[in-house]
Amino acid sequence: MADGKRPRLAIISSWNDSCGNASYTYVLKKEFEQHYDVEVLGLDLYLLKQTGRIFRQRARRHIREMAAKLREFDYVNIQFEAGLYGATIHDIWRNVRTLMDAAPNLILTMHRIDTDNNSLLKDIVLSFVTFSVKPLRQRRTLYNHAWLYKQMILHVRKLSARKNAWIKVHTRRERRIVEDFFDFHGVRDAPLAFLDAPERARVLDDVNPDALRQRYNLPPGAKTIGAFGYIANYKGFEDLIRALRILPDDYYLMVVGSQHPQSIKPWVSVDTYLAKLLLEIETPLVRQFDLMSRDMKGKVMIDAAIAMPNIVPDGPSLTDRVRFVGNVDDDEFTFMLRNCDAVVLPYIEVGQSMSGVIALAIESGARLFCSNNLSFAEARRYYGDVFSRFDMGNYIEIAQKVKYDNSDYSSRRDEMFEKYNISTLVDLHRSMFEGKAA
């Protein structure tokens, strides 16, 4: 700055909460502080997620107070994930627009972009055949979110005519959506990053699988498969349980994470997906496929109970071979990524952008196996071949790859880390803030 003072940066995000956005914001803040005076303006998620009128009024005041404070800053980065900014689409749009309008120099980081590309006719037929309104409700949700993302992109485009305003995304696919479908070229893309060079060197050197076994009371010589992140139905954890049945008894599944806070509902004693996993662990069922959640090329699926009325137990309980670790701090998270014998991400395709787990696993030197979904395909567009792959739902292939695939991607990862790391990511943001982005 001309007066010699360091520029001030405000990052708007969740903060002091157990969520991926808060963890990502923490590492951004740490790296940005080498260049700017940084303050995180933490969103009050308790207020913003309530639907009652009195809560929504207070949440609105919270957003207006935050917007007024933005006058004190030179730069503003809004970390956007829809569920953080309001309980309804209307509230989310109004709140984010207020913050964007108040920001002097703006980067809106969009952690995903949904588009309205579903067939109305298909959803009507699916609802009719299955005697359920669920497909139409899901369509309405997707339509609302597509509308929201469209409004946000167009608003940043409008703001860019009178001030420095950008959009930052995590995949080239989403950059193309912004540029080609909304004719806005003030957008840059780069994968998520968490570690700088000294941190990565420390993590890579911290190889101690015996300490992991001792910490979690596993037998000497046990082989560990890591499943990381919140327990959610798109994660495909049931495929890991099925793969575990095929693998020898010295393999253990470590579930590092817990139920997502947003899935906690009043008077619901156990999350539906978690209940399914527990059933799979305790009383495995012959070919127990999740037919309702895995739509094969739009074909109508039939409930498993109707399709297979004579389901019988098949195999022993895996209760002792599946360890629910729960949430851990960041250092323990990276330690386990580094020291599990295999890290497997069997996610199905749900339109997700860049996964934070895959980025951190690559940085941490994990022996990594990922499903062939479109999100991980986008990651490969940056990194190339730096992890092994398997088809979604193919738990037999998972077991075979975990047991026999000894591919070494370390040199390729070292090469890619020079290009994509938290320091180069922050440098990209600085070039956008300071009007030097190419």
Protein backbone atom coordinates (compact mmCIF):
# COMPACT_ATOMS: atom_id res chain seq x y z
CA MET A 1 0.00 0.00 0.00
CA ALA A 2 1.10 3.58 -0.66
CA ASP A 3 1.10 4.44 3.06
CA GLY A 4 3.27 1.45 3.91
CA LYS A 5 0.53 -0.47 5.68
CA ARG A 6 -0.18 -4.04 4.78
CA PRO A 7 -3.43 -4.59 2.87
CA ARG A 8 -6.30 -6.03 4.89
CA LEU A 9 -8.12 -9.18 3.77
CA ALA A 10 -11.44 -10.47 5.08
CA ILE A 11 -12.31 -14.13 4.52
CA ILE A 12 -16.00 -14.92 4.99
CA SER A 13 -16.55 -18.55 5.86
CA SER A 14 -17.52 -20.99 8.57
CA TRP A 15 -15.05 -20.76 11.45
CA ASN A 16 -14.50 -22.67 14.70
CA ASP A 17 -16.86 -25.33 13.34
CA SER A 18 -16.28 -28.96 12.49
CA CYS A 19 -16.53 -28.73 8.71
CA GLY A 20 -14.35 -28.85 5.63
CA ASN A 21 -14.81 -25.15 4.86
CA ALA A 22 -13.49 -24.14 8.27
CA SER A 23 -10.41 -26.36 7.86
CA TYR A 24 -9.73 -25.00 4.38
CA THR A 25 -10.18 -21.42 5.61
CA TYR A 26 -7.68 -22.05 8.38
CA VAL A 27 -4.90 -23.00 5.94
CA LEU A 28 -5.81 -20.10 3.62
CA LYS A 29 -5.59 -17.64 6.49
CA LYS A 30 -2.23 -18.98 7.58
CA GLU A 31 -0.75 -18.63 4.09
CA PHE A 32 -2.35 -15.26 3.32
CA GLU A 33 -0.89 -13.81 6.53
CA GLN A 34 2.51 -13.83 4.87
CA HIS A 35 1.20 -11.04 2.61
CA TYR A 36 -1.85 -9.39 4.21
CA ASP A 37 -3.41 -8.66 7.56
CA VAL A 38 -6.14 -11.31 7.60
CA GLU A 39 -9.35 -11.59 9.57
CA VAL A 40 -11.87 -14.39 9.23
CA LEU A 41 -15.44 -13.16 9.55
CA GLY A 42 -17.09 -16.30 10.84
CA LEU A 43 -20.65 -17.05 9.80
CA ASP A 44 -23.08 -17.71 12.64
CA LEU A 45 -24.29 -21.10 11.41
CA TYR A 46 -26.72 -21.51 14.29
CA LEU A 47 -28.66 -18.44 13.19
CA LEU A 48 -28.29 -18.95 9.46
CA LYS A 49 -29.64 -22.51 9.47
CA GLN A 50 -32.85 -21.78 11.39
CA THR A 51 -36.19 -21.40 9.60
CA GLY A 52 -38.14 -19.57 12.32
CA ARG A 53 -39.03 -15.94 11.63
CA ILE A 54 -37.24 -14.51 14.66
CA PHE A 55 -34.06 -16.45 13.80
CA ARG A 56 -34.15 -15.35 10.16
CA GLN A 57 -34.49 -11.70 11.21
CA ARG A 58 -31.50 -12.03 13.52
CA ALA A 59 -29.54 -13.84 10.82
CA ARG A 60 -30.31 -11.02 8.41
CA ARG A 61 -28.98 -8.48 10.93
CA HIS A 62 -25.85 -10.63 11.36
CA ILE A 63 -25.21 -10.46 7.58
CA ARG A 64 -25.83 -6.69 7.43
CA GLU A 65 -23.39 -6.12 10.31
CA MET A 66 -20.79 -8.23 8.53
CA ALA A 67 -21.35 -6.30 5.28
CA ALA A 68 -20.87 -2.97 7.07
CA LYS A 69 -17.55 -4.21 8.45
CA LEU A 70 -16.24 -4.95 4.96
CA ARG A 71 -15.54 -1.22 4.46
CA GLU A 72 -12.51 -1.70 6.71
CA PHE A 73 -10.84 -4.13 4.29
CA ASP A 74 -9.01 -3.85 0.99
CA TYR A 75 -9.89 -7.35 -0.23
CA VAL A 76 -12.69 -9.81 0.47
CA ASN A 77 -12.85 -13.55 -0.20
CA ILE A 78 -16.27 -15.17 0.20
CA GLN A 79 -16.05 -18.93 0.63
CA PHE A 80 -19.39 -20.05 -0.74
CA GLU A 81 -21.22 -23.25 0.02
CA ALA A 82 -24.97 -22.84 -0.08
CA GLY A 83 -25.75 -24.45 3.28
CA LEU A 84 -23.61 -21.90 5.14
CA TYR A 85 -25.57 -18.79 4.17
CA GLY A 86 -29.21 -19.44 4.94
CA ALA A 87 -32.05 -21.90 5.43
CA THR A 88 -33.86 -21.13 2.15
CA ILE A 89 -32.73 -20.37 -1.38
CA HIS A 90 -34.19 -16.87 -1.07
CA ASP A 91 -32.30 -16.19 2.17
CA ILE A 92 -29.04 -17.55 0.76
CA TRP A 93 -29.27 -15.39 -2.34
CA ARG A 94 -30.16 -12.24 -0.40
CA ASN A 95 -27.39 -12.76 2.17
CA VAL A 96 -24.63 -13.50 -0.33
CA ARG A 97 -25.69 -10.64 -2.58
CA THR A 98 -25.50 -8.24 0.39
CA LEU A 99 -21.94 -9.35 1.10
CA MET A 100 -20.85 -9.23 -2.54
CA ASP A 101 -22.24 -5.71 -2.96
CA ALA A 102 -20.36 -4.49 0.12
CA ALA A 103 -16.99 -6.03 -0.79
CA PRO A 104 -14.48 -3.55 -2.27
CA ASN A 105 -12.32 -6.09 -4.16
CA LEU A 106 -13.98 -9.48 -4.36
CA ILE A 107 -13.15 -13.11 -5.01
CA LEU A 108 -16.18 -15.38 -4.73
CA THR A 109 -14.92 -18.95 -4.22
CA MET A 110 -17.64 -21.31 -5.43
CA HIS A 111 -17.13 -24.82 -4.07
CA ARG A 112 -19.57 -26.22 -6.64
CA ILE A 113 -21.83 -25.06 -9.45
CA ASP A 114 -25.05 -26.91 -10.26
CA THR A 115 -26.79 -26.56 -13.61
CA ASP A 116 -30.38 -27.41 -14.52
CA ASN A 117 -29.84 -30.34 -16.86
CA ASN A 118 -32.41 -32.86 -15.61
CA SER A 119 -35.29 -34.10 -17.76
CA LEU A 120 -38.69 -33.10 -16.38
CA LEU A 121 -40.38 -35.91 -18.32
CA LYS A 122 -38.01 -38.50 -16.90
CA ASP A 123 -38.68 -37.36 -13.32
CA ILE A 124 -42.46 -37.38 -13.86
CA VAL A 125 -42.33 -40.94 -15.24
CA LEU A 126 -40.04 -42.06 -12.41
CA SER A 127 -42.43 -40.62 -9.81
CA PHE A 128 -45.40 -42.32 -11.48
CA VAL A 129 -43.76 -45.74 -11.74
CA THR A 130 -42.34 -45.73 -8.21
CA PHE A 131 -45.46 -44.15 -6.64
CA SER A 132 -43.21 -41.56 -5.01
CA VAL A 133 -42.86 -37.79 -5.20
CA LYS A 134 -39.18 -38.07 -4.25
CA PRO A 135 -37.85 -37.63 -7.85
CA LEU A 136 -39.91 -34.45 -8.29
CA ARG A 137 -38.78 -33.09 -4.92
CA GLN A 138 -35.17 -33.77 -5.85
CA ARG A 139 -35.72 -32.05 -9.18
CA ARG A 140 -37.12 -29.00 -7.41
CA THR A 141 -34.09 -28.86 -5.12
CA LEU A 142 -31.68 -29.13 -8.06
CA TYR A 143 -33.61 -26.48 -9.99
CA ASN A 144 -33.52 -24.08 -7.04
CA HIS A 145 -29.77 -24.51 -6.60
CA ALA A 146 -29.14 -24.12 -10.33
CA TRP A 147 -31.14 -20.87 -10.21
CA LEU A 148 -29.09 -19.69 -7.22
CA TYR A 149 -25.72 -20.35 -8.87
CA LYS A 150 -26.89 -18.65 -12.04
CA GLN A 151 -27.90 -15.51 -10.12
CA MET A 152 -24.58 -15.40 -8.30
CA ILE A 153 -22.49 -15.73 -11.45
CA LEU A 154 -24.49 -13.08 -13.28
CA HIS A 155 -24.26 -10.75 -10.28
CA VAL A 156 -20.48 -11.03 -10.07
CA ARG A 157 -20.36 -10.34 -13.82
CA LYS A 158 -22.46 -7.22 -13.23
CA LEU A 159 -20.26 -6.09 -10.31
CA SER A 160 -17.10 -6.56 -12.38
CA ALA A 161 -18.16 -3.64 -14.58
CA ARG A 162 -17.59 -1.21 -11.69
CA LYS A 163 -15.13 -2.93 -9.34
CA ASN A 164 -12.58 -5.74 -9.16
CA ALA A 165 -14.75 -8.87 -8.86
CA TRP A 166 -13.78 -12.45 -9.66
CA ILE A 167 -15.02 -16.02 -9.34
CA LYS A 168 -12.67 -18.81 -8.23
CA VAL A 169 -13.59 -22.48 -8.90
CA HIS A 170 -11.87 -25.82 -8.28
CA THR A 171 -12.28 -27.56 -11.65
CA ARG A 172 -11.84 -26.73 -15.31
CA ARG A 173 -15.34 -28.06 -15.94
CA GLU A 174 -16.83 -25.34 -13.71
CA ARG A 175 -14.64 -22.65 -15.22
CA ARG A 176 -16.04 -23.65 -18.60
CA ILE A 177 -19.60 -23.34 -17.26
CA VAL A 178 -18.91 -19.78 -16.09
CA GLU A 179 -17.13 -18.74 -19.29
CA ASP A 180 -19.20 -20.51 -21.94
CA PHE A 181 -22.71 -20.57 -20.48
CA PHE A 182 -22.67 -17.22 -18.66
CA ASP A 183 -20.19 -15.32 -20.84
CA PHE A 184 -18.09 -14.21 -17.88
CA HIS A 185 -14.33 -14.48 -18.15
CA GLY A 186 -13.41 -13.11 -14.74
CA VAL A 187 -12.99 -16.65 -13.46
CA ARG A 188 -9.94 -18.70 -12.55
CA ASP A 189 -9.59 -22.37 -11.62
CA ALA A 190 -7.16 -24.30 -9.45
CA PRO A 191 -7.46 -27.43 -7.31
CA LEU A 192 -7.76 -27.31 -3.55
CA ALA A 193 -4.47 -27.28 -1.63
CA PHE A 194 -3.63 -27.53 2.06
CA LEU A 195 0.10 -27.99 2.65
CA ASP A 196 3.14 -25.83 1.99
CA ALA A 197 6.53 -27.38 1.23
CA PRO A 198 7.84 -27.66 4.85
CA GLU A 199 4.52 -29.09 6.07
CA ARG A 200 4.45 -31.64 3.28
CA ALA A 201 8.04 -32.71 3.99
CA ARG A 202 7.11 -33.23 7.66
CA VAL A 203 4.05 -35.31 6.76
CA LEU A 204 5.95 -37.44 4.23
CA ASP A 205 8.66 -38.17 6.81
CA ASP A 206 6.13 -39.20 9.47
CA VAL A 207 5.92 -42.85 8.42
CA ASN A 208 4.95 -44.96 11.44
CA PRO A 209 2.19 -47.51 10.77
CA ASP A 210 3.06 -49.32 14.02
CA ALA A 211 2.13 -46.18 15.96
CA LEU A 212 -1.22 -46.08 14.13
CA ARG A 213 -1.91 -49.71 15.04
CA GLN A 214 -1.01 -49.15 18.69
CA ARG A 215 -3.05 -45.96 18.92
CA TYR A 216 -6.20 -47.70 17.71
CA ASN A 217 -5.58 -51.04 19.42
CA LEU A 218 -5.06 -53.06 16.25
CA PRO A 219 -3.16 -56.37 16.19
CA PRO A 220 0.55 -56.24 15.22
CA GLY A 221 0.89 -56.44 11.45
CA ALA A 222 -2.74 -55.46 10.78
CA LYS A 223 -3.35 -53.81 7.41
CA THR A 224 -5.50 -50.67 7.44
CA ILE A 225 -7.88 -49.24 4.85
CA GLY A 226 -8.81 -45.61 5.48
CA ALA A 227 -12.19 -44.03 4.71
CA PHE A 228 -12.09 -40.29 5.36
CA GLY A 229 -14.59 -37.47 5.78
CA TYR A 230 -18.20 -37.14 6.82
CA ILE A 231 -20.36 -40.25 6.59
CA ALA A 232 -22.71 -39.49 3.70
CA ASN A 233 -24.59 -41.64 1.21
CA TYR A 234 -22.52 -40.55 -1.80
CA LYS A 235 -19.27 -41.71 -0.16
CA GLY A 236 -19.85 -45.37 -1.05
CA PHE A 237 -18.58 -46.69 2.28
CA GLU A 238 -20.76 -49.79 1.88
CA ASP A 239 -18.47 -50.84 -0.98
CA LEU A 240 -15.51 -50.76 1.43
CA ILE A 241 -17.37 -53.02 3.85
CA ARG A 242 -18.13 -55.45 1.04
CA ALA A 243 -14.50 -55.34 -0.11
CA LEU A 244 -13.40 -56.05 3.46
CA ARG A 245 -15.30 -59.36 3.35
CA ILE A 246 -13.22 -60.47 0.37
CA LEU A 247 -9.90 -59.44 1.90
CA PRO A 248 -8.02 -61.57 4.46
CA ASP A 249 -8.92 -61.19 8.13
CA ASP A 250 -5.85 -59.06 8.89
CA TYR A 251 -7.37 -56.11 6.97
CA TYR A 252 -9.23 -53.45 9.00
CA LEU A 253 -11.39 -50.55 7.85
CA MET A 254 -10.76 -47.23 9.64
CA VAL A 255 -13.66 -44.78 9.26
CA VAL A 256 -12.12 -41.38 10.03
CA GLY A 257 -15.05 -38.99 10.32
CA SER A 258 -18.57 -38.84 11.64
CA GLN A 259 -22.16 -38.01 10.74
CA HIS A 260 -22.41 -34.62 9.01
CA PRO A 261 -23.86 -31.95 11.37
CA GLN A 262 -26.43 -30.96 8.72
CA SER A 263 -27.82 -34.50 8.70
CA ILE A 264 -28.74 -34.32 12.39
CA LYS A 265 -32.53 -34.04 12.65
CA PRO A 266 -34.83 -33.76 15.70
CA TRP A 267 -36.27 -37.09 16.87
CA VAL A 268 -34.13 -39.12 14.45
CA SER A 269 -32.15 -41.61 16.54
CA VAL A 270 -29.82 -42.78 13.75
CA ASP A 271 -29.03 -41.41 10.30
CA THR A 272 -30.51 -43.56 7.53
CA TYR A 273 -27.22 -44.11 5.72
CA LEU A 274 -25.33 -44.84 8.93
CA ALA A 275 -28.01 -47.39 9.84
CA LYS A 276 -27.47 -49.06 6.47
CA LEU A 277 -23.73 -49.30 7.11
CA LEU A 278 -24.30 -50.81 10.56
CA LEU A 279 -26.60 -53.42 9.04
CA GLU A 280 -24.01 -54.21 6.39
CA ILE A 281 -21.34 -54.65 9.08
CA GLU A 282 -23.42 -56.80 11.43
CA THR A 283 -25.62 -58.92 9.15
CA PRO A 284 -24.36 -58.86 5.57
CA LEU A 285 -26.95 -59.53 2.90
CA VAL A 286 -26.56 -61.33 -0.39
CA ARG A 287 -26.13 -58.70 -3.15
CA GLN A 288 -27.58 -55.93 -0.99
CA PHE A 289 -27.34 -53.16 -3.60
CA ASP A 290 -28.66 -49.68 -2.92
CA LEU A 291 -30.99 -49.70 -5.92
CA MET A 292 -32.88 -46.54 -5.05
CA SER A 293 -29.80 -44.32 -4.78
CA ARG A 294 -27.88 -45.66 -7.76
CA ASP A 295 -29.86 -44.78 -10.86
CA MET A 296 -28.34 -46.71 -13.79
CA LYS A 297 -28.54 -44.39 -16.83
CA GLY A 298 -31.99 -43.15 -15.87
CA LYS A 299 -33.66 -46.58 -15.80
CA VAL A 300 -36.38 -47.05 -13.22
CA MET A 301 -35.04 -48.84 -10.15
CA ILE A 302 -37.09 -51.18 -8.00
CA ASP A 303 -36.86 -51.31 -4.23
CA ALA A 304 -34.48 -54.06 -3.07
CA ALA A 305 -37.09 -55.54 -0.77
CA ILE A 306 -39.43 -56.10 -3.75
CA ALA A 307 -36.72 -57.31 -6.11
CA MET A 308 -35.14 -59.75 -3.64
CA PRO A 309 -37.74 -60.95 -1.09
CA ASN A 310 -35.65 -63.94 0.00
CA ILE A 311 -32.54 -62.11 1.21
CA VAL A 312 -30.45 -64.23 3.57
CA PRO A 313 -27.42 -63.49 5.77
CA ASP A 314 -24.10 -64.22 4.08
CA GLY A 315 -20.97 -64.27 6.23
CA PRO A 316 -19.82 -63.30 9.72
CA SER A 317 -20.13 -59.94 11.41
CA LEU A 318 -17.36 -57.44 10.72
CA THR A 319 -17.91 -55.52 13.95
CA ASP A 320 -14.31 -55.89 15.13
CA ARG A 321 -12.76 -55.20 11.71
CA VAL A 322 -14.53 -51.87 11.14
CA ARG A 323 -13.25 -49.15 13.46
CA PHE A 324 -15.21 -45.89 13.73
CA VAL A 325 -12.47 -43.42 14.64
CA GLY A 326 -14.71 -40.32 14.62
CA ASN A 327 -13.50 -36.76 14.01
CA VAL A 328 -9.81 -36.07 14.57
CA ASP A 329 -7.70 -32.92 14.45
CA ASP A 330 -5.85 -31.88 11.31
CA ASP A 331 -2.49 -33.36 12.33
CA GLU A 332 -4.03 -36.75 13.13
CA PHE A 333 -6.00 -36.62 9.87
CA THR A 334 -2.85 -36.22 7.77
CA PHE A 335 -0.98 -38.77 9.91
CA MET A 336 -3.65 -41.36 9.15
CA LEU A 337 -3.70 -40.49 5.45
CA ARG A 338 0.05 -41.08 5.37
CA ASN A 339 0.08 -44.28 7.44
CA CYS A 340 -2.99 -46.25 6.41
CA ASP A 341 -1.96 -49.10 4.12
CA ALA A 342 -4.60 -47.91 1.66
CA VAL A 343 -6.85 -44.85 1.41
CA VAL A 344 -9.95 -45.59 -0.66
CA LEU A 345 -12.46 -43.02 -1.94
CA PRO A 346 -15.37 -45.02 -3.45
CA TYR A 347 -17.59 -41.97 -4.04
CA ILE A 348 -20.46 -42.18 -6.51
CA GLU A 349 -21.15 -39.33 -8.96
CA VAL A 350 -23.26 -36.54 -7.46
CA GLY A 351 -21.90 -33.49 -9.32
CA GLN A 352 -19.34 -32.78 -6.61
CA SER A 353 -16.55 -30.33 -7.41
CA MET A 354 -13.06 -30.96 -6.04
CA SER A 355 -12.84 -33.21 -2.97
CA GLY A 356 -10.71 -31.85 -0.15
CA VAL A 357 -9.83 -35.39 0.91
CA ILE A 358 -8.34 -36.32 -2.47
CA ALA A 359 -6.20 -33.16 -2.56
CA LEU A 360 -4.86 -33.70 0.96
CA ALA A 361 -4.34 -37.43 0.35
CA ILE A 362 -2.20 -36.68 -2.71
CA GLU A 363 -0.19 -34.08 -0.79
CA SER A 364 0.24 -36.47 2.16
CA GLY A 365 1.66 -39.33 0.13
CA ALA A 366 -1.28 -41.69 0.69
CA ARG A 367 -1.50 -45.00 -1.13
CA LEU A 368 -4.64 -43.79 -2.82
CA PHE A 369 -7.46 -45.54 -4.69
CA CYS A 370 -10.35 -43.55 -6.19
CA SER A 371 -13.55 -44.44 -8.03
CA ASN A 372 -14.02 -43.51 -11.66
CA ASN A 373 -16.46 -40.66 -11.00
CA LEU A 374 -16.44 -37.33 -12.83
CA SER A 375 -15.13 -35.34 -9.87
CA PHE A 376 -11.99 -37.45 -9.63
CA ALA A 377 -11.64 -37.28 -13.41
CA GLU A 378 -11.48 -33.50 -13.00
CA ALA A 379 -8.71 -33.94 -10.41
CA ARG A 380 -6.73 -35.99 -12.94
CA ARG A 381 -6.91 -33.07 -15.39
CA TYR A 382 -4.62 -31.20 -12.98
CA TYR A 383 -2.53 -33.96 -11.45
CA GLY A 384 -2.45 -36.67 -14.12
CA ASP A 385 -2.01 -40.27 -12.96
CA VAL A 386 -1.22 -39.93 -9.27
CA PHE A 387 -3.66 -42.51 -7.84
CA SER A 388 -5.08 -45.91 -8.77
CA ARG A 389 -8.66 -46.21 -10.01
CA PHE A 390 -11.61 -48.59 -9.94
CA ASP A 391 -15.18 -48.55 -11.24
CA MET A 392 -17.88 -47.16 -8.97
CA GLY A 393 -19.57 -49.89 -6.96
CA ASN A 394 -17.07 -52.60 -7.91
CA TYR A 395 -16.10 -53.76 -4.43
CA ILE A 396 -14.36 -56.83 -5.89
CA GLU A 397 -12.04 -54.54 -7.85
CA ILE A 398 -11.44 -52.46 -4.70
CA ALA A 399 -10.33 -55.57 -2.81
CA GLN A 400 -8.09 -56.69 -5.67
CA LYS A 401 -6.48 -53.27 -6.12
CA VAL A 402 -5.88 -52.81 -2.38
CA LYS A 403 -4.24 -56.23 -2.16
CA TYR A 404 -2.19 -56.31 -5.37
CA ASP A 405 -1.72 -52.81 -6.87
CA ASN A 406 1.70 -51.49 -5.83
CA SER A 407 1.93 -48.52 -8.21
CA ASP A 408 4.35 -45.80 -7.12
CA TYR A 409 3.22 -42.25 -7.96
CA SER A 410 5.65 -40.37 -5.69
CA SER A 411 7.80 -38.72 -8.40
CA ARG A 412 4.74 -37.54 -10.35
CA ARG A 413 3.22 -36.14 -7.15
CA ASP A 414 6.42 -34.28 -6.33
CA GLU A 415 6.33 -32.74 -9.79
CA MET A 416 2.68 -31.71 -9.47
CA PHE A 417 3.18 -30.31 -5.96
CA GLU A 418 5.59 -27.75 -7.38
CA LYS A 419 2.71 -26.46 -9.50
CA TYR A 420 -0.28 -26.92 -7.19
CA ASN A 421 0.21 -26.16 -3.50
CA ILE A 422 -1.18 -23.72 -0.94
CA SER A 423 1.48 -21.12 -1.77
CA THR A 424 0.77 -21.11 -5.52
CA LEU A 425 -2.96 -21.06 -4.76
CA VAL A 426 -2.61 -17.95 -2.61
CA ASP A 427 -0.40 -16.35 -5.28
CA LEU A 428 -3.26 -16.87 -7.75
CA HIS A 429 -5.65 -15.11 -5.37
CA ARG A 430 -3.19 -12.24 -4.93
CA SER A 431 -2.90 -11.75 -8.68
CA MET A 432 -6.69 -11.52 -8.89
CA PHE A 433 -7.00 -9.11 -5.96
CA GLU A 434 -4.22 -6.90 -7.23
CA GLY A 435 -5.35 -6.83 -10.87
CA LYS A 436 -2.44 -8.85 -12.24
CA ALA A 437 -4.24 -12.08 -13.16
CA ALA A 438 -3.46 -13.29 -16.66
